[in-house]
Amino acid sequence: MSGFSNSSFGTCALFLDGILLGFRPSTVQQVNELKATLLQAGQQTVRVLNGNVQAAIAESIASRNLIISSKNNALSALAGNVYVWSKTSIAYAENNDHSVRSPILQFGADIAVGSSKALGVSLGYGDLNQSSGTTSIDGTQVTLQPYFGWQHGSWQGTASVTYGQVDYDTITFASGTASAKGDLIAFSADASKGILLRNGKTLSPVASFSVGSIDLTETAGSLAGAGFAKSVSLQDARFGTRLSQKIGSSGIVTFGISADYSHSNAPVNLISGRFNNKGWSGTAETGYQVELKNGMNINAQLVAGGLGSSSKQYTGSVEIGMQF
């Protein structure tokens, strides 16, 4: 036996050769577990939604450019055009013993506000299912994301603000059950430059960043009356490049890689194991986009993030968009 601990919250822990035996997690430990979930799910949500908006803006501006190229009055052709899109994403993240699954359905629409600018908003809904060695969480989230996209020559970018309401309907700990509500807010921006190569290829260096926070606004059950900090912050930055290749007259296939940096104030040492979501990692992605004869765009994408770290994220998505 190597030690005995009794915390100020009345939780007892017995350590036998470094192994924790027969304990009931304290309220602080439960909140720390929830903080890790808040970060993991919130970071995943922001990445997915921001990536979806980036793709939608690119397709929106590209489809307008096709219309403009066939008209004499470019500004009047662009002004008033509405691009409507929907995207279904299935995201999965894991960090050692922690995993989060979150299918997300997102609808968006944007309208031209200038010769190469668009202003829009998207609404998202998703489920959250988290599990670890000591905790399981089931909930739902609703997000609202106003966004702005622009193009200037070969440069293109987006900026968006994400507001989210998260309901953690069922939280199961070893010591009991709880529920909670939380708010997500984040700001994201990106910029890329398209460099035309030979044979229909385009190389696009890209940089992006996101900052945000997730705050618990209500707690009940075994978390009721927890009177200490119940929020986490997140910061993400990405630096990478995408290679696009035209396929036929209306298809484009893309491949991308990036170096990513993440930081947060989420706790690292948890009762369910070490949770480290900070530092550098890599992302690889591939996608295929095609424009149909009726003006509809279809875009499918696969993304693997967190490469080289203990925090992995995988996303598959399909988007359908149309110009009006």
Protein backbone atom coordinates (compact mmCIF):
# COMPACT_ATOMS: atom_id res chain seq x y z
CA MET A 1 0.00 0.00 0.00
CA SER A 2 1.48 3.31 -1.01
CA GLY A 3 -0.90 5.94 0.32
CA PHE A 4 -4.28 7.06 1.61
CA SER A 5 -6.00 10.29 0.65
CA ASN A 6 -9.08 12.10 1.98
CA SER A 7 -9.98 15.25 0.04
CA SER A 8 -11.72 18.29 1.44
CA PHE A 9 -14.86 17.21 -0.39
CA GLY A 10 -15.15 14.02 1.60
CA THR A 11 -13.87 11.63 -1.07
CA CYS A 12 -11.65 8.78 0.05
CA ALA A 13 -9.10 7.06 -2.17
CA LEU A 14 -7.00 4.00 -1.45
CA PHE A 15 -3.82 3.57 -3.49
CA LEU A 16 -2.24 0.13 -3.84
CA ASP A 17 1.03 0.22 -5.78
CA GLY A 18 -0.17 3.30 -7.63
CA ILE A 19 -3.62 1.88 -8.46
CA LEU A 20 -6.72 3.75 -7.28
CA LEU A 21 -9.24 1.43 -5.63
CA GLY A 22 -12.83 1.71 -4.45
CA PHE A 23 -13.55 5.44 -4.48
CA ARG A 24 -16.43 7.81 -5.13
CA PRO A 25 -15.38 10.80 -7.22
CA SER A 26 -15.77 14.17 -5.56
CA THR A 27 -17.76 17.01 -7.09
CA VAL A 28 -14.52 18.64 -8.23
CA GLN A 29 -13.40 15.44 -9.94
CA GLN A 30 -16.79 15.09 -11.63
CA VAL A 31 -16.64 18.67 -12.90
CA ASN A 32 -13.10 18.09 -14.18
CA GLU A 33 -14.33 15.07 -16.12
CA LEU A 34 -17.11 17.20 -17.55
CA LYS A 35 -14.62 19.97 -18.45
CA ALA A 36 -12.62 17.49 -20.51
CA THR A 37 -15.81 16.52 -22.33
CA LEU A 38 -16.75 20.19 -22.82
CA LEU A 39 -13.42 20.85 -24.47
CA GLN A 40 -13.32 17.70 -26.57
CA ALA A 41 -16.88 18.13 -27.85
CA GLY A 42 -16.65 21.91 -28.20
CA GLN A 43 -13.38 21.83 -30.10
CA GLN A 44 -14.71 19.14 -32.40
CA THR A 45 -17.92 21.11 -33.02
CA VAL A 46 -16.08 24.35 -33.83
CA ARG A 47 -13.73 22.57 -36.22
CA VAL A 48 -16.55 20.80 -38.04
CA LEU A 49 -18.79 23.86 -38.32
CA ASN A 50 -15.95 26.14 -39.40
CA GLY A 51 -14.81 23.63 -42.02
CA ASN A 52 -18.37 23.34 -43.32
CA VAL A 53 -18.70 27.12 -43.66
CA GLN A 54 -15.33 27.36 -45.44
CA ALA A 55 -16.46 24.79 -47.99
CA ALA A 56 -19.88 26.40 -48.42
CA ILE A 57 -18.40 29.86 -49.01
CA ALA A 58 -15.93 28.49 -51.56
CA GLU A 59 -18.74 26.79 -53.46
CA SER A 60 -21.03 29.80 -53.09
CA ILE A 61 -18.51 32.24 -54.58
CA ALA A 62 -17.43 29.76 -57.25
CA SER A 63 -21.01 29.16 -58.40
CA ARG A 64 -21.63 32.91 -58.57
CA ASN A 65 -18.47 33.41 -60.59
CA LEU A 66 -19.75 30.89 -63.13
CA ILE A 67 -22.96 32.87 -63.45
CA ILE A 68 -21.13 36.19 -63.68
CA SER A 69 -18.79 34.98 -66.42
CA SER A 70 -21.76 34.51 -68.74
CA LYS A 71 -23.32 37.93 -68.10
CA ASN A 72 -22.26 41.45 -69.08
CA ASN A 73 -23.21 43.20 -65.83
CA ALA A 74 -21.20 41.37 -63.18
CA LEU A 75 -22.39 43.35 -60.16
CA SER A 76 -26.09 43.08 -60.96
CA ALA A 77 -25.69 39.39 -61.75
CA LEU A 78 -24.11 38.76 -58.34
CA ALA A 79 -26.25 41.03 -56.16
CA GLY A 80 -29.26 39.24 -54.70
CA ASN A 81 -28.14 35.72 -55.58
CA VAL A 82 -28.80 33.30 -52.72
CA TYR A 83 -26.79 30.14 -52.11
CA VAL A 84 -28.52 27.52 -49.93
CA TRP A 85 -26.74 24.47 -48.55
CA SER A 86 -27.05 21.62 -46.09
CA LYS A 87 -24.35 19.38 -44.70
CA THR A 88 -24.38 16.15 -42.71
CA SER A 89 -21.23 15.44 -40.70
CA ILE A 90 -20.34 12.50 -38.51
CA ALA A 91 -17.47 13.32 -36.16
CA TYR A 92 -15.59 11.10 -33.74
CA ALA A 93 -12.83 12.16 -31.33
CA GLU A 94 -10.74 10.12 -28.93
CA ASN A 95 -8.12 11.03 -26.34
CA ASN A 96 -6.71 8.03 -24.52
CA ASP A 97 -9.78 6.66 -22.66
CA HIS A 98 -12.11 9.53 -23.68
CA SER A 99 -14.23 9.40 -26.82
CA VAL A 100 -16.94 11.68 -28.25
CA ARG A 101 -19.33 10.91 -31.12
CA SER A 102 -21.33 13.80 -32.56
CA PRO A 103 -23.38 13.58 -35.75
CA ILE A 104 -24.21 17.14 -36.88
CA LEU A 105 -26.82 18.35 -39.38
CA GLN A 106 -26.22 21.90 -40.62
CA PHE A 107 -28.31 24.18 -42.86
CA GLY A 108 -27.06 27.49 -44.24
CA ALA A 109 -27.81 30.28 -46.69
CA ASP A 110 -25.86 33.32 -47.84
CA ILE A 111 -26.48 36.28 -50.10
CA ALA A 112 -24.08 38.43 -52.13
CA VAL A 113 -23.23 41.80 -50.59
CA GLY A 114 -20.73 42.93 -53.23
CA SER A 115 -18.85 41.76 -56.28
CA SER A 116 -17.01 39.00 -54.39
CA LYS A 117 -18.44 38.93 -50.87
CA ALA A 118 -21.19 36.94 -49.20
CA LEU A 119 -22.99 37.21 -45.87
CA GLY A 120 -24.85 34.26 -44.43
CA VAL A 121 -26.00 32.26 -41.44
CA SER A 122 -26.20 28.56 -40.62
CA LEU A 123 -28.18 26.54 -38.10
CA GLY A 124 -26.88 23.26 -36.75
CA TYR A 125 -28.22 20.42 -34.62
CA GLY A 126 -26.30 17.47 -33.27
CA ASP A 127 -26.15 14.70 -30.70
CA LEU A 128 -23.31 14.27 -28.21
CA ASN A 129 -22.29 10.87 -26.86
CA GLN A 130 -19.21 10.76 -24.63
CA SER A 131 -17.68 7.89 -22.74
CA SER A 132 -14.61 7.29 -20.59
CA GLY A 133 -13.57 4.79 -17.97
CA THR A 134 -15.62 6.55 -15.29
CA THR A 135 -18.15 8.77 -17.08
CA SER A 136 -20.75 8.67 -19.83
CA ILE A 137 -22.64 11.66 -21.21
CA ASP A 138 -25.56 11.91 -23.63
CA GLY A 139 -26.85 15.22 -24.87
CA THR A 140 -27.78 17.49 -27.75
CA GLN A 141 -26.56 20.81 -29.10
CA VAL A 142 -28.04 23.57 -31.25
CA THR A 143 -25.76 26.10 -32.95
CA LEU A 144 -26.25 29.39 -34.78
CA GLN A 145 -23.37 30.62 -36.93
CA PRO A 146 -23.42 33.94 -38.80
CA TYR A 147 -20.57 34.07 -41.33
CA PHE A 148 -18.89 36.31 -43.89
CA GLY A 149 -16.93 35.22 -46.97
CA TRP A 150 -14.79 37.19 -49.38
CA GLN A 151 -12.63 36.80 -52.46
CA HIS A 152 -10.04 39.25 -53.79
CA GLY A 153 -8.15 38.03 -56.82
CA SER A 154 -6.58 34.72 -55.87
CA TRP A 155 -7.19 35.31 -52.14
CA GLN A 156 -10.24 33.98 -50.33
CA GLY A 157 -11.34 33.79 -46.71
CA THR A 158 -14.13 33.46 -44.17
CA ALA A 159 -14.95 34.71 -40.69
CA SER A 160 -17.70 33.35 -38.44
CA VAL A 161 -19.07 33.48 -34.92
CA THR A 162 -20.54 30.31 -33.42
CA TYR A 163 -23.18 30.41 -30.70
CA GLY A 164 -24.23 27.10 -29.19
CA GLN A 165 -26.67 25.82 -26.58
CA VAL A 166 -25.68 22.41 -25.24
CA ASP A 167 -27.90 20.19 -23.10
CA TYR A 168 -26.09 17.41 -21.26
CA ASP A 169 -29.27 15.48 -20.52
CA THR A 170 -27.76 12.43 -18.83
CA ILE A 171 -24.38 12.42 -17.10
CA THR A 172 -23.49 9.17 -15.38
CA PHE A 173 -20.65 9.05 -12.84
CA ALA A 174 -19.58 6.23 -10.57
CA SER A 175 -21.18 8.16 -7.71
CA GLY A 176 -24.50 8.98 -9.35
CA THR A 177 -26.16 10.87 -12.17
CA ALA A 178 -26.37 14.53 -13.11
CA SER A 179 -27.40 16.89 -15.88
CA ALA A 180 -26.14 20.25 -17.10
CA LYS A 181 -26.60 22.99 -19.65
CA GLY A 182 -23.81 24.90 -21.34
CA ASP A 183 -23.11 27.75 -23.74
CA LEU A 184 -20.56 27.64 -26.55
CA ILE A 185 -19.21 30.78 -28.21
CA ALA A 186 -16.31 30.90 -30.65
CA PHE A 187 -14.81 33.12 -33.33
CA SER A 188 -13.08 31.57 -36.36
CA ALA A 189 -11.32 33.02 -39.40
CA ASP A 190 -9.26 31.68 -42.28
CA ALA A 191 -7.53 32.86 -45.44
CA SER A 192 -6.09 31.04 -48.44
CA LYS A 193 -4.41 31.90 -51.73
CA GLY A 194 -4.98 29.90 -54.89
CA ILE A 195 -1.89 29.32 -57.04
CA LEU A 196 -2.66 27.95 -60.50
CA LEU A 197 -0.42 25.11 -61.64
CA ARG A 198 -0.37 23.03 -64.79
CA ASN A 199 -3.03 20.63 -66.02
CA GLY A 200 -5.92 21.97 -63.97
CA LYS A 201 -4.16 21.87 -60.61
CA THR A 202 -4.41 24.57 -57.94
CA LEU A 203 -2.20 24.81 -54.83
CA SER A 204 -3.77 26.75 -51.95
CA PRO A 205 -1.76 27.61 -48.83
CA VAL A 206 -4.22 28.20 -45.97
CA ALA A 207 -4.09 29.54 -42.41
CA SER A 208 -6.91 29.56 -39.87
CA PHE A 209 -7.54 30.09 -36.18
CA SER A 210 -10.37 29.72 -33.66
CA VAL A 211 -10.82 31.02 -30.12
CA GLY A 212 -13.73 30.27 -27.86
CA SER A 213 -15.12 29.06 -24.56
CA ILE A 214 -17.71 26.63 -23.24
CA ASP A 215 -19.46 27.57 -19.99
CA LEU A 216 -21.74 25.47 -17.80
CA THR A 217 -24.79 27.58 -16.98
CA GLU A 218 -26.86 25.05 -15.01
CA THR A 219 -26.01 21.91 -13.08
CA ALA A 220 -28.28 19.40 -11.35
CA GLY A 221 -28.08 16.01 -9.67
CA SER A 222 -24.68 15.14 -8.24
CA LEU A 223 -23.33 18.40 -9.70
CA ALA A 224 -25.94 20.62 -8.06
CA GLY A 225 -24.51 23.57 -6.16
CA ALA A 226 -20.97 23.13 -7.48
CA GLY A 227 -19.58 26.56 -6.61
CA PHE A 228 -16.36 26.76 -8.60
CA ALA A 229 -15.20 27.45 -12.14
CA LYS A 230 -17.10 25.35 -14.67
CA SER A 231 -15.81 26.71 -17.98
CA VAL A 232 -13.06 25.87 -20.43
CA SER A 233 -11.40 27.90 -23.15
CA LEU A 234 -10.03 26.70 -26.48
CA GLN A 235 -7.56 28.06 -29.01
CA ASP A 236 -6.77 26.43 -32.34
CA ALA A 237 -4.45 27.46 -35.18
CA ARG A 238 -3.78 25.69 -38.50
CA PHE A 239 -1.17 26.18 -41.19
CA GLY A 240 -1.33 23.99 -44.26
CA THR A 241 -1.99 23.60 -47.94
CA ARG A 242 -4.52 22.00 -50.28
CA LEU A 243 -3.98 20.63 -53.76
CA SER A 244 -7.01 20.65 -56.08
CA GLN A 245 -7.26 18.79 -59.39
CA LYS A 246 -10.03 19.35 -61.91
CA ILE A 247 -11.72 16.15 -63.07
CA GLY A 248 -13.61 16.51 -66.33
CA SER A 249 -15.70 19.64 -66.82
CA SER A 250 -17.38 19.83 -63.40
CA GLY A 251 -15.48 17.75 -60.84
CA ILE A 252 -12.70 18.69 -58.41
CA VAL A 253 -10.76 16.37 -56.14
CA THR A 254 -8.74 17.83 -53.25
CA PHE A 255 -5.99 16.65 -50.91
CA GLY A 256 -4.80 18.65 -47.93
CA ILE A 257 -2.39 18.56 -45.02
CA SER A 258 -1.82 20.96 -42.14
CA ALA A 259 0.12 21.49 -38.94
CA ASP A 260 -2.24 22.33 -36.08
CA TYR A 261 -1.68 23.88 -32.66
CA SER A 262 -4.21 23.55 -29.83
CA HIS A 263 -4.32 25.03 -26.35
CA SER A 264 -6.87 25.06 -23.54
CA ASN A 265 -7.23 25.38 -19.77
CA ALA A 266 -8.96 22.00 -19.42
CA PRO A 267 -7.60 19.76 -16.62
CA VAL A 268 -5.06 17.15 -17.68
CA ASN A 269 -4.93 14.60 -14.86
CA LEU A 270 -8.38 13.06 -14.42
CA ILE A 271 -9.71 10.09 -12.48
CA SER A 272 -10.37 8.35 -15.82
CA GLY A 273 -6.80 8.87 -17.02
CA ARG A 274 -4.59 11.54 -18.50
CA PHE A 275 -6.33 13.98 -20.87
CA ASN A 276 -3.91 16.14 -22.85
CA ASN A 277 -5.37 18.21 -25.65
CA LYS A 278 -2.54 20.72 -26.04
CA GLY A 279 0.35 21.09 -28.46
CA TRP A 280 1.08 20.34 -32.11
CA SER A 281 -0.50 17.70 -34.32
CA GLY A 282 -1.31 17.13 -37.98
CA THR A 283 -4.38 16.86 -40.18
CA ALA A 284 -4.89 15.08 -43.51
CA GLU A 285 -8.00 15.48 -45.65
CA THR A 286 -9.41 14.53 -49.00
CA GLY A 287 -12.59 15.50 -50.79
CA TYR A 288 -14.52 15.47 -54.03
CA GLN A 289 -16.81 18.20 -55.37
CA VAL A 290 -19.02 18.08 -58.44
CA GLU A 291 -21.47 20.54 -59.95
CA LEU A 292 -24.50 18.99 -61.60
CA LYS A 293 -26.31 20.36 -64.64
CA ASN A 294 -29.19 21.72 -62.57
CA GLY A 295 -26.81 24.00 -60.65
CA MET A 296 -26.59 21.75 -57.60
CA ASN A 297 -23.21 21.21 -55.90
CA ILE A 298 -22.29 18.02 -54.05
CA ASN A 299 -19.21 17.96 -51.84
CA ALA A 300 -17.96 14.90 -49.89
CA GLN A 301 -15.02 15.10 -47.48
CA LEU A 302 -12.99 12.91 -45.13
CA VAL A 303 -10.74 14.46 -42.45
CA ALA A 304 -8.33 12.85 -39.99
CA GLY A 305 -6.96 15.23 -37.33
CA GLY A 306 -4.78 15.02 -34.25
CA LEU A 307 -2.18 12.96 -36.11
CA GLY A 308 0.95 12.46 -34.05
CA SER A 309 -0.85 13.23 -30.76
CA SER A 310 -3.05 11.40 -28.25
CA SER A 311 -6.10 13.46 -29.30
CA LYS A 312 -7.50 12.13 -32.58
CA GLN A 313 -10.48 13.49 -34.57
CA TYR A 314 -12.15 11.89 -37.58
CA THR A 315 -14.90 13.46 -39.66
CA GLY A 316 -16.89 12.39 -42.70
CA SER A 317 -19.32 14.80 -44.33
CA VAL A 318 -21.54 15.31 -47.37
CA GLU A 319 -22.79 18.73 -48.46
CA ILE A 320 -25.50 19.62 -50.96
CA GLY A 321 -25.82 23.21 -52.17
CA MET A 322 -27.75 25.14 -54.81
CA GLN A 323 -27.65 28.63 -56.27
CA PHE A 324 -30.88 30.62 -56.60
